[in-house]
Amino acid sequence: MQADMFNPYPAIGAVNALRSNYNFTMLPSVKSDFGSCAMKIDNRKAEPPEIARGKTARTYLYMEGAYKRYSMSKYSAN
């Protein structure tokens, strides 16, 4: 999985490290702390920049279909 060409994408290392494995959600009242990078992280939740959302969603769908042995997190509004 780690070497799958559809999995790795360039990212700002510090932002990616802070995102950890937090679930993605919308954080409308949170401001980005990363300068020109619009990534938002708050209370163990993360909101990717608008420009990255489609690619992120397609990557998650691909990985879930390609690696059935592993399961992706289920959506949670909490």
PDB file of N, CA and C in Angstrom:
ATOM      1  N   MET A   1       0.820  -1.189   0.000  1.00  0.00           N
ATOM      2  CA  MET A   1       0.000   0.000   0.000  1.00  0.00           C
ATOM      3  C   MET A   1       0.868   1.259   0.000  1.00  0.00           C
ATOM      4  N   GLN A   2       1.914   1.254   0.777  1.00  0.00           N
ATOM      5  CA  GLN A   2       2.745   2.445   0.917  1.00  0.00           C
ATOM      6  C   GLN A   2       3.395   2.840  -0.410  1.00  0.00           C
ATOM      7  N   ALA A   3       3.727   1.880  -1.230  1.00  0.00           N
ATOM      8  CA  ALA A   3       4.380   2.163  -2.502  1.00  0.00           C
ATOM      9  C   ALA A   3       3.394   2.284  -3.663  1.00  0.00           C
ATOM     10  N   ASP A   4       2.115   2.130  -3.412  1.00  0.00           N
ATOM     11  CA  ASP A   4       1.095   2.246  -4.459  1.00  0.00           C
ATOM     12  C   ASP A   4       1.157   3.646  -5.051  1.00  0.00           C
ATOM     13  N   MET A   5       1.244   3.746  -6.376  1.00  0.00           N
ATOM     14  CA  MET A   5       1.420   5.048  -7.012  1.00  0.00           C
ATOM     15  C   MET A   5       0.230   5.989  -6.823  1.00  0.00           C
ATOM     16  N   PHE A   6      -0.918   5.467  -6.403  1.00  0.00           N
ATOM     17  CA  PHE A   6      -2.077   6.322  -6.177  1.00  0.00           C
ATOM     18  C   PHE A   6      -2.188   6.755  -4.722  1.00  0.00           C
ATOM     19  N   ASN A   7      -1.293   6.311  -3.868  1.00  0.00           N
ATOM     20  CA  ASN A   7      -1.354   6.648  -2.453  1.00  0.00           C
ATOM     21  C   ASN A   7      -0.505   7.867  -2.101  1.00  0.00           C
ATOM     22  N   PRO A   8       0.791   7.915  -2.446  1.00  0.00           N
ATOM     23  CA  PRO A   8       1.591   9.053  -2.006  1.00  0.00           C
ATOM     24  C   PRO A   8       1.365  10.307  -2.850  1.00  0.00           C
ATOM     25  N   TYR A   9       1.195  11.418  -2.193  1.00  0.00           N
ATOM     26  CA  TYR A   9       1.084  12.717  -2.839  1.00  0.00           C
ATOM     27  C   TYR A   9       2.006  13.668  -2.095  1.00  0.00           C
ATOM     28  N   PRO A  10       2.552  14.659  -2.772  1.00  0.00           N
ATOM     29  CA  PRO A  10       3.396  15.621  -2.072  1.00  0.00           C
ATOM     30  C   PRO A  10       2.592  16.356  -0.999  1.00  0.00           C
ATOM     31  N   ALA A  11       3.202  16.573   0.141  1.00  0.00           N
ATOM     32  CA  ALA A  11       2.536  17.285   1.231  1.00  0.00           C
ATOM     33  C   ALA A  11       3.583  18.019   2.055  1.00  0.00           C
ATOM     34  N   ILE A  12       3.158  19.042   2.739  1.00  0.00           N
ATOM     35  CA  ILE A  12       4.038  19.745   3.668  1.00  0.00           C
ATOM     36  C   ILE A  12       4.184  18.835   4.880  1.00  0.00           C
ATOM     37  N   GLY A  13       5.389  18.381   5.137  1.00  0.00           N
ATOM     38  CA  GLY A  13       5.635  17.390   6.179  1.00  0.00           C
ATOM     39  C   GLY A  13       5.092  17.767   7.542  1.00  0.00           C
ATOM     40  N   ALA A  14       5.303  19.003   7.965  1.00  0.00           N
ATOM     41  CA  ALA A  14       4.843  19.432   9.292  1.00  0.00           C
ATOM     42  C   ALA A  14       3.318  19.401   9.383  1.00  0.00           C
ATOM     43  N   VAL A  15       2.639  19.821   8.326  1.00  0.00           N
ATOM     44  CA  VAL A  15       1.171  19.807   8.321  1.00  0.00           C
ATOM     45  C   VAL A  15       0.674  18.365   8.329  1.00  0.00           C
ATOM     46  N   ASN A  16       1.282  17.522   7.513  1.00  0.00           N
ATOM     47  CA  ASN A  16       0.872  16.125   7.459  1.00  0.00           C
ATOM     48  C   ASN A  16       1.090  15.441   8.812  1.00  0.00           C
ATOM     49  N   ALA A  17       2.175  15.749   9.490  1.00  0.00           N
ATOM     50  CA  ALA A  17       2.447  15.161  10.805  1.00  0.00           C
ATOM     51  C   ALA A  17       1.404  15.611  11.822  1.00  0.00           C
ATOM     52  N   LEU A  18       1.025  16.874  11.785  1.00  0.00           N
ATOM     53  CA  LEU A  18       0.006  17.373  12.715  1.00  0.00           C
ATOM     54  C   LEU A  18      -1.377  16.801  12.415  1.00  0.00           C
ATOM     55  N   ARG A  19      -1.644  16.519  11.136  1.00  0.00           N
ATOM     56  CA  ARG A  19      -2.945  15.931  10.768  1.00  0.00           C
ATOM     57  C   ARG A  19      -3.080  14.533  11.338  1.00  0.00           C
ATOM     58  N   SER A  20      -1.947  13.856  11.474  1.00  0.00           N
ATOM     59  CA  SER A  20      -1.927  12.504  12.026  1.00  0.00           C
ATOM     60  C   SER A  20      -2.903  11.627  11.246  1.00  0.00           C
ATOM     61  N   ASN A  21      -3.734  10.881  11.934  1.00  0.00           N
ATOM     62  CA  ASN A  21      -4.741  10.058  11.257  1.00  0.00           C
ATOM     63  C   ASN A  21      -6.139  10.541  11.623  1.00  0.00           C
ATOM     64  N   TYR A  22      -6.261  11.849  11.867  1.00  0.00           N
ATOM     65  CA  TYR A  22      -7.555  12.426  12.235  1.00  0.00           C
ATOM     66  C   TYR A  22      -8.546  12.292  11.091  1.00  0.00           C
ATOM     67  N   ASN A  23      -9.812  12.106  11.439  1.00  0.00           N
ATOM     68  CA  ASN A  23     -10.870  12.036  10.439  1.00  0.00           C
ATOM     69  C   ASN A  23     -11.058  13.392   9.775  1.00  0.00           C
ATOM     70  N   PHE A  24     -11.448  13.354   8.505  1.00  0.00           N
ATOM     71  CA  PHE A  24     -11.748  14.585   7.784  1.00  0.00           C
ATOM     72  C   PHE A  24     -13.173  15.007   8.080  1.00  0.00           C
ATOM     73  N   THR A  25     -13.376  16.292   8.212  1.00  0.00           N
ATOM     74  CA  THR A  25     -14.697  16.876   8.408  1.00  0.00           C
ATOM     75  C   THR A  25     -14.634  18.335   8.003  1.00  0.00           C
ATOM     76  N   MET A  26     -15.762  18.987   7.965  1.00  0.00           N
ATOM     77  CA  MET A  26     -15.798  20.416   7.676  1.00  0.00           C
ATOM     78  C   MET A  26     -15.643  21.173   8.993  1.00  0.00           C
ATOM     79  N   LEU A  27     -14.786  22.177   9.001  1.00  0.00           N
ATOM     80  CA  LEU A  27     -14.518  22.996  10.189  1.00  0.00           C
ATOM     81  C   LEU A  27     -14.733  24.469   9.828  1.00  0.00           C
ATOM     82  N   PRO A  28     -15.986  24.883   9.614  1.00  0.00           N
ATOM     83  CA  PRO A  28     -16.248  26.233   9.101  1.00  0.00           C
ATOM     84  C   PRO A  28     -15.793  27.370  10.016  1.00  0.00           C
ATOM     85  N   SER A  29     -15.781  27.170  11.320  1.00  0.00           N
ATOM     86  CA  SER A  29     -15.424  28.265  12.227  1.00  0.00           C
ATOM     87  C   SER A  29     -13.947  28.271  12.617  1.00  0.00           C
ATOM     88  N   VAL A  30     -13.166  27.327  12.072  1.00  0.00           N
ATOM     89  CA  VAL A  30     -11.747  27.220  12.397  1.00  0.00           C
ATOM     90  C   VAL A  30     -10.924  27.934  11.331  1.00  0.00           C
ATOM     91  N   LYS A  31      -9.897  28.644  11.753  1.00  0.00           N
ATOM     92  CA  LYS A  31      -8.971  29.304  10.831  1.00  0.00           C
ATOM     93  C   LYS A  31      -7.728  28.445  10.664  1.00  0.00           C
ATOM     94  N   SER A  32      -7.144  28.488   9.489  1.00  0.00           N
ATOM     95  CA  SER A  32      -5.910  27.758   9.228  1.00  0.00           C
ATOM     96  C   SER A  32      -4.748  28.407   9.971  1.00  0.00           C
ATOM     97  N   ASP A  33      -3.880  27.579  10.523  1.00  0.00           N
ATOM     98  CA  ASP A  33      -2.682  28.054  11.212  1.00  0.00           C
ATOM     99  C   ASP A  33      -1.419  27.841  10.383  1.00  0.00           C
ATOM    100  N   PHE A  34      -1.570  27.585   9.085  1.00  0.00           N
ATOM    101  CA  PHE A  34      -0.445  27.165   8.267  1.00  0.00           C
ATOM    102  C   PHE A  34      -0.109  28.137   7.145  1.00  0.00           C
ATOM    103  N   GLY A  35      -0.298  29.417   7.365  1.00  0.00           N
ATOM    104  CA  GLY A  35       0.054  30.414   6.358  1.00  0.00           C
ATOM    105  C   GLY A  35      -0.749  30.250   5.084  1.00  0.00           C
ATOM    106  N   SER A  36      -0.067  30.062   3.948  1.00  0.00           N
ATOM    107  CA  SER A  36      -0.770  29.959   2.664  1.00  0.00           C
ATOM    108  C   SER A  36      -1.409  28.594   2.442  1.00  0.00           C
ATOM    109  N   CYS A  37      -1.146  27.630   3.320  1.00  0.00           N
ATOM    110  CA  CYS A  37      -1.791  26.312   3.228  1.00  0.00           C
ATOM    111  C   CYS A  37      -3.119  26.378   3.988  1.00  0.00           C
ATOM    112  N   ALA A  38      -4.215  26.104   3.305  1.00  0.00           N
ATOM    113  CA  ALA A  38      -5.551  26.259   3.885  1.00  0.00           C
ATOM    114  C   ALA A  38      -6.002  25.068   4.732  1.00  0.00           C
ATOM    115  N   MET A  39      -5.104  24.158   5.058  1.00  0.00           N
ATOM    116  CA  MET A  39      -5.446  23.011   5.902  1.00  0.00           C
ATOM    117  C   MET A  39      -5.878  23.484   7.284  1.00  0.00           C
ATOM    118  N   LYS A  40      -6.956  22.887   7.812  1.00  0.00           N
ATOM    119  CA  LYS A  40      -7.439  23.231   9.150  1.00  0.00           C
ATOM    120  C   LYS A  40      -7.408  21.976  10.018  1.00  0.00           C
ATOM    121  N   ILE A  41      -6.951  22.118  11.255  1.00  0.00           N
ATOM    122  CA  ILE A  41      -6.915  21.006  12.206  1.00  0.00           C
ATOM    123  C   ILE A  41      -7.409  21.539  13.538  1.00  0.00           C
ATOM    124  N   ASP A  42      -8.375  20.819  14.143  1.00  0.00           N
ATOM    125  CA  ASP A  42      -8.911  21.239  15.423  1.00  0.00           C
ATOM    126  C   ASP A  42      -9.573  20.052  16.116  1.00  0.00           C
ATOM    127  N   ASN A  43      -9.275  19.871  17.381  1.00  0.00           N
ATOM    128  CA  ASN A  43      -9.956  18.872  18.202  1.00  0.00           C
ATOM    129  C   ASN A  43      -9.961  17.475  17.563  1.00  0.00           C
ATOM    130  N   ARG A  44      -8.782  17.057  17.089  1.00  0.00           N
ATOM    131  CA  ARG A  44      -8.603  15.734  16.475  1.00  0.00           C
ATOM    132  C   ARG A  44      -9.456  15.526  15.213  1.00  0.00           C
ATOM    133  N   LYS A  45      -9.754  16.609  14.502  1.00  0.00           N
ATOM    134  CA  LYS A  45     -10.458  16.588  13.220  1.00  0.00           C
ATOM    135  C   LYS A  45      -9.656  17.432  12.242  1.00  0.00           C
ATOM    136  N   ALA A  46      -9.777  17.156  10.958  1.00  0.00           N
ATOM    137  CA  ALA A  46      -9.027  17.894   9.945  1.00  0.00           C
ATOM    138  C   ALA A  46      -9.912  18.217   8.748  1.00  0.00           C
ATOM    139  N   GLU A  47      -9.707  19.391   8.174  1.00  0.00           N
ATOM    140  CA  GLU A  47     -10.400  19.797   6.948  1.00  0.00           C
ATOM    141  C   GLU A  47      -9.347  20.136   5.903  1.00  0.00           C
ATOM    142  N   PRO A  48      -9.269  19.336   4.833  1.00  0.00           N
ATOM    143  CA  PRO A  48      -8.276  19.639   3.791  1.00  0.00           C
ATOM    144  C   PRO A  48      -8.688  20.880   3.002  1.00  0.00           C
ATOM    145  N   PRO A  49      -7.724  21.534   2.355  1.00  0.00           N
ATOM    146  CA  PRO A  49      -8.060  22.683   1.512  1.00  0.00           C
ATOM    147  C   PRO A  49      -9.030  22.260   0.406  1.00  0.00           C
ATOM    148  N   GLU A  50      -9.856  23.186  -0.013  1.00  0.00           N
ATOM    149  CA  GLU A  50     -10.855  22.890  -1.043  1.00  0.00           C
ATOM    150  C   GLU A  50     -10.224  22.278  -2.286  1.00  0.00           C
ATOM    151  N   ILE A  51      -9.068  22.767  -2.687  1.00  0.00           N
ATOM    152  CA  ILE A  51      -8.401  22.277  -3.894  1.00  0.00           C
ATOM    153  C   ILE A  51      -7.987  20.801  -3.778  1.00  0.00           C
ATOM    154  N   ALA A  52      -7.814  20.300  -2.562  1.00  0.00           N
ATOM    155  CA  ALA A  52      -7.345  18.925  -2.355  1.00  0.00           C
ATOM    156  C   ALA A  52      -8.455  17.931  -2.039  1.00  0.00           C
ATOM    157  N   ARG A  53      -9.670  18.385  -1.817  1.00  0.00           N
ATOM    158  CA  ARG A  53     -10.749  17.491  -1.359  1.00  0.00           C
ATOM    159  C   ARG A  53     -11.101  16.402  -2.361  1.00  0.00           C
ATOM    160  N   GLY A  54     -11.203  16.723  -3.619  1.00  0.00           N
ATOM    161  CA  GLY A  54     -11.558  15.725  -4.623  1.00  0.00           C
ATOM    162  C   GLY A  54     -10.497  14.644  -4.748  1.00  0.00           C
ATOM    163  N   LYS A  55      -9.228  15.067  -4.817  1.00  0.00           N
ATOM    164  CA  LYS A  55      -8.130  14.115  -4.927  1.00  0.00           C
ATOM    165  C   LYS A  55      -8.068  13.235  -3.677  1.00  0.00           C
ATOM    166  N   THR A  56      -8.289  13.837  -2.510  1.00  0.00           N
ATOM    167  CA  THR A  56      -8.281  13.079  -1.259  1.00  0.00           C
ATOM    168  C   THR A  56      -9.389  12.036  -1.257  1.00  0.00           C
ATOM    169  N   ALA A  57     -10.596  12.425  -1.635  1.00  0.00           N
ATOM    170  CA  ALA A  57     -11.733  11.498  -1.655  1.00  0.00           C
ATOM    171  C   ALA A  57     -11.504  10.365  -2.654  1.00  0.00           C
ATOM    172  N   ARG A  58     -10.998  10.699  -3.843  1.00  0.00           N
ATOM    173  CA  ARG A  58     -10.760   9.657  -4.851  1.00  0.00           C
ATOM    174  C   ARG A  58      -9.676   8.690  -4.394  1.00  0.00           C
ATOM    175  N   THR A  59      -8.655   9.198  -3.701  1.00  0.00           N
ATOM    176  CA  THR A  59      -7.594   8.332  -3.195  1.00  0.00           C
ATOM    177  C   THR A  59      -8.142   7.373  -2.150  1.00  0.00           C
ATOM    178  N   TYR A  60      -8.958   7.872  -1.239  1.00  0.00           N
ATOM    179  CA  TYR A  60      -9.567   7.006  -0.222  1.00  0.00           C
ATOM    180  C   TYR A  60     -10.446   5.938  -0.861  1.00  0.00           C
ATOM    181  N   LEU A  61     -11.240   6.313  -1.860  1.00  0.00           N
ATOM    182  CA  LEU A  61     -12.095   5.332  -2.548  1.00  0.00           C
ATOM    183  C   LEU A  61     -11.256   4.273  -3.260  1.00  0.00           C
ATOM    184  N   TYR A  62     -10.191   4.719  -3.930  1.00  0.00           N
ATOM    185  CA  TYR A  62      -9.317   3.776  -4.619  1.00  0.00           C
ATOM    186  C   TYR A  62      -8.690   2.796  -3.636  1.00  0.00           C
ATOM    187  N   MET A  63      -8.125   3.315  -2.541  1.00  0.00           N
ATOM    188  CA  MET A  63      -7.444   2.455  -1.569  1.00  0.00           C
ATOM    189  C   MET A  63      -8.411   1.456  -0.945  1.00  0.00           C
ATOM    190  N   GLU A  64      -9.623   1.896  -0.663  1.00  0.00           N
ATOM    191  CA  GLU A  64     -10.608   0.975  -0.092  1.00  0.00           C
ATOM    192  C   GLU A  64     -10.950  -0.150  -1.065  1.00  0.00           C
ATOM    193  N   GLY A  65     -11.070   0.173  -2.356  1.00  0.00           N
ATOM    194  CA  GLY A  65     -11.376  -0.843  -3.351  1.00  0.00           C
ATOM    195  C   GLY A  65     -10.196  -1.747  -3.678  1.00  0.00           C
ATOM    196  N   ALA A  66      -9.002  -1.192  -3.679  1.00  0.00           N
ATOM    197  CA  ALA A  66      -7.811  -1.949  -4.061  1.00  0.00           C
ATOM    198  C   ALA A  66      -7.292  -2.854  -2.948  1.00  0.00           C
ATOM    199  N   TYR A  67      -7.550  -2.502  -1.715  1.00  0.00           N
ATOM    200  CA  TYR A  67      -7.010  -3.251  -0.572  1.00  0.00           C
ATOM    201  C   TYR A  67      -8.143  -3.653   0.356  1.00  0.00           C
ATOM    202  N   LYS A  68      -8.924  -4.609  -0.092  1.00  0.00           N
ATOM    203  CA  LYS A  68     -10.121  -5.033   0.641  1.00  0.00           C
ATOM    204  C   LYS A  68      -9.796  -5.652   1.999  1.00  0.00           C
ATOM    205  N   ARG A  69      -8.548  -6.088   2.180  1.00  0.00           N
ATOM    206  CA  ARG A  69      -8.153  -6.676   3.466  1.00  0.00           C
ATOM    207  C   ARG A  69      -8.223  -5.651   4.596  1.00  0.00           C
ATOM    208  N   TYR A  70      -8.065  -4.378   4.242  1.00  0.00           N
ATOM    209  CA  TYR A  70      -8.088  -3.295   5.225  1.00  0.00           C
ATOM    210  C   TYR A  70      -9.373  -2.497   5.049  1.00  0.00           C
ATOM    211  N   SER A  71      -9.908  -1.996   6.136  1.00  0.00           N
ATOM    212  CA  SER A  71     -11.140  -1.196   5.989  1.00  0.00           C
ATOM    213  C   SER A  71     -10.872   0.245   6.367  1.00  0.00           C
ATOM    214  N   MET A  72     -11.484   1.119   5.613  1.00  0.00           N
ATOM    215  CA  MET A  72     -11.358   2.551   5.874  1.00  0.00           C
ATOM    216  C   MET A  72     -12.289   2.911   7.026  1.00  0.00           C
ATOM    217  N   SER A  73     -12.030   4.019   7.671  1.00  0.00           N
ATOM    218  CA  SER A  73     -12.906   4.502   8.733  1.00  0.00           C
ATOM    219  C   SER A  73     -14.279   4.789   8.166  1.00  0.00           C
ATOM    220  N   LYS A  74     -15.283   4.531   8.926  1.00  0.00           N
ATOM    221  CA  LYS A  74     -16.650   4.862   8.515  1.00  0.00           C
ATOM    222  C   LYS A  74     -16.935   6.308   8.887  1.00  0.00           C
ATOM    223  N   TYR A  75     -17.802   6.935   8.133  1.00  0.00           N
ATOM    224  CA  TYR A  75     -18.152   8.333   8.376  1.00  0.00           C
ATOM    225  C   TYR A  75     -18.790   8.484   9.748  1.00  0.00           C
ATOM    226  N   SER A  76     -18.402   9.534  10.434  1.00  0.00           N
ATOM    227  CA  SER A  76     -19.010   9.865  11.716  1.00  0.00           C
ATOM    228  C   SER A  76     -19.161  11.363  11.800  1.00  0.00           C
ATOM    229  N   ALA A  77     -20.352  11.835  12.079  1.00  0.00           N
ATOM    230  CA  ALA A  77     -20.605  13.275  12.187  1.00  0.00           C
ATOM    231  C   ALA A  77     -20.162  13.809  13.546  1.00  0.00           C
ATOM    232  N   ASN A  78     -19.729  12.956  14.424  1.00  0.00           N
ATOM    233  CA  ASN A  78     -19.333  13.415  15.774  1.00  0.00           C
ATOM    234  C   ASN A  78     -17.918  13.896  15.802  1.00  0.00           C
TER     235      ASN A  78
END
